Amino acid sequence: MRRMDAFTYQAHPARVIFGAGALAQLSAEIDRLGARRALVLCTPGQVASAARVADLLGDRAAGIFAQAAMHVPVETARRAREEARRLGADCAVAIGGGSTTGLGKAIALDSGLPILAIPTTYAGSEMTPIYGLTENGVKKTGRDARVLPRTVIYDPELTLTLPLAMTVTSAFNAIAHAAEGLYAQDANPIVALMAEEGIRASAAALAPLVADPRDIDARGDALVGAWLCGIVLGSTTMGLHHKLCHTLGGSFNLPHAETHTVILPHALAYNASHAPQAMARVARALQSAAGPGVRIAAVDAARAINDLARRHGAPTSLAALGMPADGLDRAADLAAATPYPNPRPLDRTALRALLQRAYDGAPPQG
């Protein structure tokens, strides 16, 4: 019998309220935090949702800050922090996707205000102590326990109106967190269990949601998948996939979930020969999600992810996302500039070839 390798697992504190209609518990959860004045955060397109939250809070709502944006521009973070101080807010409620949760984290990083997150996508950011800020075209990330939301309310009803295209790419965003966690240098058996189930739940939710975007059970399954995948992301060290996505998002303003969807199969293919056990677990999760009618070989995990994206109408090329062709060299330079843990050593030439395939929408290749 193989002796299990030693490992350390640090669980992050989290309180989760889950279920259809769970938003009704918001006021009680604010009371539980000991807060009295909540600043509600959202993107410009989600003002109606933020107003609903403010109505539920009543006189506990200090105001609405509706300027959350992708990749959390540092200027937006500064405005939000100042607004929280001006209004005397003692907590923030972030309703929306990763952009809004990220803005809440930026406030917490500076002020220590507790954050309550209400996810309406499958970004998973609400389960991580990871924050990101973009300044002068460069996105920088870090980890700090202060930014981890104190409470998360997962209400599948709030995702019923998430457009189908965004539903699909957001689920792939979640899958990417778990897949990369499987080959992280600090992966462990506990994280691997969550990663495999997170991939399975996220992938299994896609077909029902494509058939009926208002399938509340499938919406719930997708949120469970995002929850698990987010824990994996917050528990391990990010590698090539996330580095590339942060570079492409922060420096070229590409849409977050769509970029994860395009890059994931190529990053998996790049690392496949150096992480065979991780690829086997990805393939096993996809096999379980697909059912007995589909056979997925472990060596084809990257291709299976790519095929899954195509089958559900997700973008598969950086060109389709607006990536400029003349930016590929700079992206490769940025990705290779700073060493970071990854199963396969980083090679600028190989990274440039990976980016070209992703730009062209070509099949992934190791």
Protein backbone atom coordinates (compact mmCIF):
# COMPACT_ATOMS: atom_id res chain seq x y z
CA MET A 1 0.00 0.00 0.00
CA ARG A 2 1.34 3.40 -0.95
CA ARG A 3 2.08 5.64 2.02
CA MET A 4 0.04 8.82 1.66
CA ASP A 5 2.16 11.92 1.19
CA ALA A 6 2.10 14.41 4.05
CA PHE A 7 0.10 17.57 3.45
CA THR A 8 -1.36 20.61 5.17
CA TYR A 9 -4.94 21.71 4.65
CA GLN A 10 -6.11 25.06 6.01
CA ALA A 11 -9.87 25.53 5.83
CA HIS A 12 -11.10 29.08 5.40
CA PRO A 13 -13.97 30.20 7.65
CA ALA A 14 -17.21 30.49 5.73
CA ARG A 15 -20.88 30.79 6.53
CA VAL A 16 -23.14 29.76 3.65
CA ILE A 17 -26.90 30.24 3.39
CA PHE A 18 -28.10 28.10 0.49
CA GLY A 19 -31.46 27.53 -1.14
CA ALA A 20 -34.19 28.97 -3.33
CA GLY A 21 -35.46 32.10 -1.63
CA ALA A 22 -32.43 32.34 0.67
CA LEU A 23 -32.16 36.08 -0.06
CA ALA A 24 -35.00 36.57 2.43
CA GLN A 25 -32.49 35.85 5.21
CA LEU A 26 -30.33 38.83 4.30
CA SER A 27 -31.40 41.15 7.12
CA ALA A 28 -30.88 38.46 9.73
CA GLU A 29 -27.39 37.81 8.39
CA ILE A 30 -26.52 41.51 8.51
CA ASP A 31 -27.67 41.53 12.14
CA ARG A 32 -25.51 38.49 12.79
CA LEU A 33 -22.49 40.45 11.55
CA GLY A 34 -23.32 43.16 14.04
CA ALA A 35 -23.60 45.68 11.20
CA ARG A 36 -26.01 48.61 10.93
CA ARG A 37 -25.11 50.43 7.70
CA ALA A 38 -24.49 48.33 4.59
CA LEU A 39 -23.13 49.73 1.34
CA VAL A 40 -24.66 47.70 -1.52
CA LEU A 41 -22.29 47.03 -4.44
CA CYS A 42 -23.18 46.10 -8.02
CA THR A 43 -22.28 46.72 -11.65
CA PRO A 44 -24.12 49.41 -13.64
CA GLY A 45 -26.22 46.67 -15.22
CA GLN A 46 -27.42 45.23 -11.92
CA VAL A 47 -28.87 48.31 -10.27
CA ALA A 48 -32.32 46.68 -10.08
CA SER A 49 -30.90 43.76 -8.10
CA ALA A 50 -29.02 46.14 -5.81
CA ALA A 51 -32.20 48.15 -5.27
CA ARG A 52 -34.02 44.97 -4.27
CA VAL A 53 -31.28 44.26 -1.73
CA ALA A 54 -31.47 47.82 -0.41
CA ASP A 55 -35.24 47.50 -0.05
CA LEU A 56 -34.82 44.30 1.95
CA LEU A 57 -32.32 46.04 4.21
CA GLY A 58 -34.52 49.07 4.78
CA ASP A 59 -32.83 51.61 7.05
CA ARG A 60 -29.78 49.34 7.24
CA ALA A 61 -28.92 50.28 3.63
CA ALA A 62 -26.37 53.11 3.61
CA GLY A 63 -26.51 53.46 -0.18
CA ILE A 64 -25.76 51.80 -3.51
CA PHE A 65 -22.41 51.96 -5.32
CA ALA A 66 -23.11 50.76 -8.87
CA GLN A 67 -19.69 51.10 -10.49
CA ALA A 68 -18.18 47.60 -10.16
CA ALA A 69 -16.16 46.69 -13.26
CA MET A 70 -14.18 43.77 -14.63
CA HIS A 71 -10.72 43.22 -13.18
CA VAL A 72 -11.35 45.84 -10.45
CA PRO A 73 -9.62 48.99 -11.76
CA VAL A 74 -7.74 50.59 -8.88
CA GLU A 75 -9.48 53.92 -9.52
CA THR A 76 -12.89 52.27 -9.01
CA ALA A 77 -11.68 50.62 -5.82
CA ARG A 78 -10.57 54.00 -4.47
CA ARG A 79 -13.93 55.59 -5.25
CA ALA A 80 -15.76 52.73 -3.55
CA ARG A 81 -13.59 52.97 -0.44
CA GLU A 82 -14.20 56.69 -0.23
CA GLU A 83 -17.94 56.23 -0.66
CA ALA A 84 -17.99 53.64 2.13
CA ARG A 85 -16.17 56.09 4.41
CA ARG A 86 -18.39 59.02 3.39
CA LEU A 87 -21.58 57.07 4.15
CA GLY A 88 -20.26 55.60 7.39
CA ALA A 89 -20.79 52.04 6.15
CA ASP A 90 -19.83 49.28 8.55
CA CYS A 91 -20.22 46.44 6.03
CA ALA A 92 -20.69 45.88 2.31
CA VAL A 93 -23.14 43.65 0.46
CA ALA A 94 -21.89 42.56 -2.96
CA ILE A 95 -24.57 41.25 -5.32
CA GLY A 96 -23.43 40.02 -8.72
CA GLY A 97 -20.50 38.15 -10.18
CA GLY A 98 -16.77 38.17 -9.64
CA SER A 99 -16.40 41.85 -10.54
CA THR A 100 -18.72 42.96 -7.75
CA THR A 101 -17.30 40.51 -5.20
CA GLY A 102 -13.83 41.70 -6.21
CA LEU A 103 -14.82 45.30 -5.54
CA GLY A 104 -16.06 44.31 -2.10
CA LYS A 105 -12.72 42.65 -1.45
CA ALA A 106 -10.88 45.82 -2.45
CA ILE A 107 -12.89 47.75 0.14
CA ALA A 108 -12.24 45.11 2.80
CA LEU A 109 -8.52 45.08 2.05
CA ASP A 110 -8.25 48.75 2.85
CA SER A 111 -10.81 49.09 5.63
CA GLY A 112 -11.40 45.65 7.10
CA LEU A 113 -15.17 46.04 6.58
CA PRO A 114 -16.98 42.68 6.62
CA ILE A 115 -18.36 41.58 3.26
CA LEU A 116 -21.55 39.63 2.61
CA ALA A 117 -21.59 38.18 -0.91
CA ILE A 118 -24.66 37.27 -2.94
CA PRO A 119 -23.36 35.56 -6.11
CA THR A 120 -25.47 35.68 -9.26
CA THR A 121 -22.89 33.90 -11.44
CA TYR A 122 -20.58 30.93 -10.92
CA ALA A 123 -17.33 32.86 -10.50
CA GLY A 124 -16.52 31.35 -7.08
CA SER A 125 -14.66 34.46 -5.91
CA GLU A 126 -16.86 34.58 -2.84
CA MET A 127 -15.09 31.49 -1.47
CA THR A 128 -11.53 32.76 -1.76
CA PRO A 129 -9.21 35.13 0.12
CA ILE A 130 -7.79 36.16 -3.27
CA TYR A 131 -8.13 39.73 -4.50
CA GLY A 132 -7.10 41.42 -7.73
CA LEU A 133 -6.55 45.04 -8.74
CA THR A 134 -5.71 46.40 -12.17
CA GLU A 135 -3.51 49.49 -12.55
CA ASN A 136 -1.82 50.83 -15.68
CA GLY A 137 -2.91 47.80 -17.68
CA VAL A 138 -1.44 45.23 -15.27
CA LYS A 139 -3.57 43.05 -13.01
CA LYS A 140 -1.98 42.08 -9.71
CA THR A 141 -3.41 39.53 -7.32
CA GLY A 142 -2.80 38.73 -3.69
CA ARG A 143 -4.17 36.81 -0.72
CA ASP A 144 -5.42 38.29 2.51
CA ALA A 145 -7.81 36.80 5.05
CA ARG A 146 -9.50 40.19 5.46
CA VAL A 147 -11.08 40.02 1.99
CA LEU A 148 -12.83 36.68 2.43
CA PRO A 149 -16.59 37.33 2.63
CA ARG A 150 -17.94 36.58 6.11
CA THR A 151 -21.22 35.22 4.77
CA VAL A 152 -22.34 33.97 1.36
CA ILE A 153 -25.98 33.71 0.32
CA TYR A 154 -26.47 31.29 -2.57
CA ASP A 155 -29.98 31.68 -3.93
CA PRO A 156 -30.56 29.80 -7.22
CA GLU A 157 -33.55 32.04 -7.95
CA LEU A 158 -31.17 34.97 -8.42
CA THR A 159 -29.43 33.15 -11.30
CA LEU A 160 -32.58 32.35 -13.29
CA THR A 161 -32.17 35.46 -15.43
CA LEU A 162 -28.45 34.96 -16.05
CA PRO A 163 -28.17 34.91 -19.87
CA LEU A 164 -27.45 31.46 -21.28
CA ALA A 165 -24.15 32.46 -22.89
CA MET A 166 -22.93 33.88 -19.58
CA THR A 167 -24.24 30.84 -17.73
CA VAL A 168 -22.09 28.54 -19.84
CA THR A 169 -18.87 30.56 -19.66
CA SER A 170 -19.32 31.21 -15.95
CA ALA A 171 -19.57 27.45 -15.37
CA PHE A 172 -16.33 26.97 -17.31
CA ASN A 173 -14.74 29.66 -15.18
CA ALA A 174 -15.62 27.54 -12.13
CA ILE A 175 -14.31 24.37 -13.76
CA ALA A 176 -11.00 26.13 -14.45
CA HIS A 177 -10.51 26.87 -10.74
CA ALA A 178 -10.91 23.22 -9.82
CA ALA A 179 -8.91 21.81 -12.72
CA GLU A 180 -5.89 23.93 -11.92
CA GLY A 181 -6.22 23.11 -8.23
CA LEU A 182 -5.74 19.43 -9.06
CA TYR A 183 -2.17 19.97 -10.24
CA ALA A 184 -1.21 22.78 -7.87
CA GLN A 185 2.00 22.29 -5.90
CA ASP A 186 0.02 22.48 -2.65
CA ALA A 187 -2.86 20.23 -3.74
CA ASN A 188 -3.98 17.55 -1.33
CA PRO A 189 -6.57 14.74 -1.18
CA ILE A 190 -9.20 16.94 0.48
CA VAL A 191 -8.93 19.63 -2.17
CA ALA A 192 -8.88 16.98 -4.90
CA LEU A 193 -12.21 15.55 -3.73
CA MET A 194 -13.81 19.00 -3.85
CA ALA A 195 -12.22 19.75 -7.21
CA GLU A 196 -13.47 16.58 -8.86
CA GLU A 197 -17.00 16.99 -7.54
CA GLY A 198 -16.96 20.70 -8.43
CA ILE A 199 -16.03 19.90 -12.03
CA ARG A 200 -18.65 17.15 -12.21
CA ALA A 201 -21.45 19.32 -10.78
CA SER A 202 -20.60 22.28 -13.01
CA ALA A 203 -20.34 20.20 -16.18
CA ALA A 204 -23.47 18.17 -15.40
CA ALA A 205 -25.54 21.35 -15.00
CA LEU A 206 -24.76 22.59 -18.51
CA ALA A 207 -27.00 20.35 -20.63
CA PRO A 208 -30.13 20.88 -18.47
CA LEU A 209 -29.54 24.64 -18.43
CA VAL A 210 -29.05 24.81 -22.19
CA ALA A 211 -32.33 22.92 -22.53
CA ASP A 212 -34.11 25.10 -19.97
CA PRO A 213 -32.25 28.09 -18.49
CA ARG A 214 -34.92 28.33 -15.77
CA ASP A 215 -34.31 24.81 -14.44
CA ILE A 216 -34.02 25.72 -10.74
CA ASP A 217 -32.48 22.37 -9.78
CA ALA A 218 -29.75 22.70 -12.41
CA ARG A 219 -29.14 26.29 -11.28
CA GLY A 220 -28.67 24.96 -7.75
CA ASP A 221 -26.26 22.28 -8.98
CA ALA A 222 -24.23 24.91 -10.81
CA LEU A 223 -24.00 27.02 -7.65
CA VAL A 224 -22.82 24.02 -5.64
CA GLY A 225 -20.20 23.42 -8.33
CA ALA A 226 -19.09 27.05 -8.14
CA TRP A 227 -18.95 26.87 -4.35
CA LEU A 228 -16.68 23.80 -4.41
CA CYS A 229 -14.50 25.12 -7.23
CA GLY A 230 -14.11 28.42 -5.39
CA ILE A 231 -12.91 26.64 -2.26
CA VAL A 232 -10.32 24.82 -4.38
CA LEU A 233 -9.10 28.09 -5.87
CA GLY A 234 -8.82 29.65 -2.43
CA SER A 235 -6.96 26.64 -1.01
CA THR A 236 -4.23 26.18 -3.62
CA THR A 237 -1.64 28.13 -5.58
CA MET A 238 -2.62 29.28 -9.05
CA GLY A 239 -0.55 28.22 -12.04
CA LEU A 240 -0.34 28.80 -15.78
CA HIS A 241 -4.05 28.98 -16.54
CA HIS A 242 -4.85 31.75 -14.08
CA LYS A 243 -1.66 33.61 -14.87
CA LEU A 244 -2.56 33.72 -18.55
CA CYS A 245 -6.16 34.76 -17.84
CA HIS A 246 -5.09 37.54 -15.48
CA THR A 247 -2.62 38.78 -18.08
CA LEU A 248 -5.18 38.73 -20.88
CA GLY A 249 -7.87 40.30 -18.74
CA GLY A 250 -5.82 42.95 -17.00
CA SER A 251 -3.66 44.01 -19.94
CA PHE A 252 -6.14 43.60 -22.82
CA ASN A 253 -9.47 43.99 -20.97
CA LEU A 254 -10.83 40.68 -22.25
CA PRO A 255 -14.02 39.41 -20.58
CA HIS A 256 -13.20 37.30 -17.54
CA ALA A 257 -15.31 34.13 -17.81
CA GLU A 258 -15.00 33.93 -21.59
CA THR A 259 -11.22 34.16 -21.36
CA HIS A 260 -11.12 31.34 -18.83
CA THR A 261 -13.29 29.26 -21.17
CA VAL A 262 -10.98 29.77 -24.14
CA ILE A 263 -7.69 29.29 -22.31
CA LEU A 264 -8.55 26.29 -20.10
CA PRO A 265 -8.17 23.46 -22.64
CA HIS A 266 -4.89 24.92 -23.89
CA ALA A 267 -3.46 25.29 -20.38
CA LEU A 268 -4.49 21.72 -19.56
CA ALA A 269 -2.86 20.44 -22.74
CA TYR A 270 0.34 22.34 -21.91
CA ASN A 271 0.54 20.70 -18.47
CA ALA A 272 -0.89 17.27 -19.32
CA SER A 273 2.40 15.39 -19.66
CA HIS A 274 3.58 16.70 -16.29
CA ALA A 275 0.31 16.14 -14.39
CA PRO A 276 -1.21 12.82 -15.55
CA GLN A 277 -3.07 12.13 -12.31
CA ALA A 278 -4.74 15.54 -12.41
CA MET A 279 -5.79 14.97 -16.04
CA ALA A 280 -7.23 11.59 -15.08
CA ARG A 281 -9.36 13.20 -12.38
CA VAL A 282 -10.58 15.94 -14.73
CA ALA A 283 -11.52 13.27 -17.27
CA ARG A 284 -13.23 11.15 -14.62
CA ALA A 285 -15.32 14.12 -13.47
CA LEU A 286 -16.33 14.91 -17.05
CA GLN A 287 -17.15 11.24 -17.66
CA SER A 288 -19.39 11.17 -14.60
CA ALA A 289 -21.12 14.35 -15.75
CA ALA A 290 -21.61 13.03 -19.30
CA GLY A 291 -22.96 9.62 -18.30
CA PRO A 292 -22.26 6.17 -19.74
CA GLY A 293 -23.01 7.16 -23.33
CA VAL A 294 -19.78 9.14 -23.66
CA ARG A 295 -16.27 7.76 -23.22
CA ILE A 296 -13.51 10.17 -22.19
CA ALA A 297 -9.92 8.98 -21.96
CA ALA A 298 -7.70 10.53 -19.31
CA VAL A 299 -5.24 11.67 -21.97
CA ASP A 300 -8.06 13.56 -23.69
CA ALA A 301 -9.08 15.75 -20.75
CA ALA A 302 -8.03 18.93 -22.55
CA ARG A 303 -9.81 17.92 -25.75
CA ALA A 304 -12.91 16.91 -23.76
CA ILE A 305 -13.06 20.37 -22.15
CA ASN A 306 -12.71 21.98 -25.57
CA ASP A 307 -15.43 19.75 -27.03
CA LEU A 308 -17.73 20.52 -24.09
CA ALA A 309 -17.32 24.24 -24.73
CA ARG A 310 -18.05 23.88 -28.45
CA ARG A 311 -21.06 21.64 -27.79
CA HIS A 312 -22.67 24.29 -25.60
CA GLY A 313 -21.89 27.24 -27.84
CA ALA A 314 -19.12 28.81 -25.75
CA PRO A 315 -16.37 30.88 -27.40
CA THR A 316 -13.23 28.94 -28.27
CA SER A 317 -10.93 31.63 -29.66
CA LEU A 318 -9.30 34.75 -28.28
CA ALA A 319 -9.92 36.49 -31.59
CA ALA A 320 -13.66 36.20 -30.99
CA LEU A 321 -13.18 37.95 -27.63
CA GLY A 322 -11.46 40.94 -29.23
CA MET A 323 -7.84 40.04 -28.51
CA PRO A 324 -5.57 41.99 -30.87
CA ALA A 325 -3.27 39.74 -32.87
CA ASP A 326 -0.38 42.11 -32.30
CA GLY A 327 -0.80 41.67 -28.55
CA LEU A 328 0.11 37.98 -28.47
CA ASP A 329 3.84 38.61 -28.17
CA ARG A 330 3.33 41.02 -25.27
CA ALA A 331 0.99 38.55 -23.55
CA ALA A 332 3.61 35.80 -23.85
CA ASP A 333 6.29 38.13 -22.48
CA LEU A 334 4.14 39.11 -19.50
CA ALA A 335 3.16 35.52 -18.73
CA ALA A 336 6.77 34.34 -18.81
CA ALA A 337 8.25 37.33 -17.00
CA THR A 338 7.53 36.27 -13.42
CA PRO A 339 8.23 32.72 -12.22
CA TYR A 340 5.32 30.94 -10.54
CA PRO A 341 4.56 27.30 -9.66
CA ASN A 342 3.40 25.16 -12.56
CA PRO A 343 3.80 21.43 -13.30
CA ARG A 344 5.55 22.03 -16.61
CA PRO A 345 8.36 24.60 -16.66
CA LEU A 346 7.40 27.80 -18.41
CA ASP A 347 8.87 28.29 -21.85
CA ARG A 348 8.24 31.54 -23.65
CA THR A 349 8.25 29.94 -27.10
CA ALA A 350 5.76 27.26 -26.02
CA LEU A 351 3.57 29.86 -24.34
CA ARG A 352 3.55 31.96 -27.49
CA ALA A 353 2.46 28.89 -29.49
CA LEU A 354 -0.27 28.17 -26.91
CA LEU A 355 -1.58 31.71 -27.23
CA GLN A 356 -1.59 31.49 -31.02
CA ARG A 357 -3.68 28.30 -30.93
CA ALA A 358 -6.05 29.92 -28.47
CA TYR A 359 -6.27 33.01 -30.67
CA ASP A 360 -7.04 30.91 -33.76
CA GLY A 361 -9.48 28.60 -31.98
CA ALA A 362 -7.34 25.61 -32.91
CA PRO A 363 -7.55 22.32 -30.97
CA PRO A 364 -5.44 22.20 -27.79
CA GLN A 365 -2.01 20.67 -28.19
CA GLY A 366 0.59 19.73 -25.58
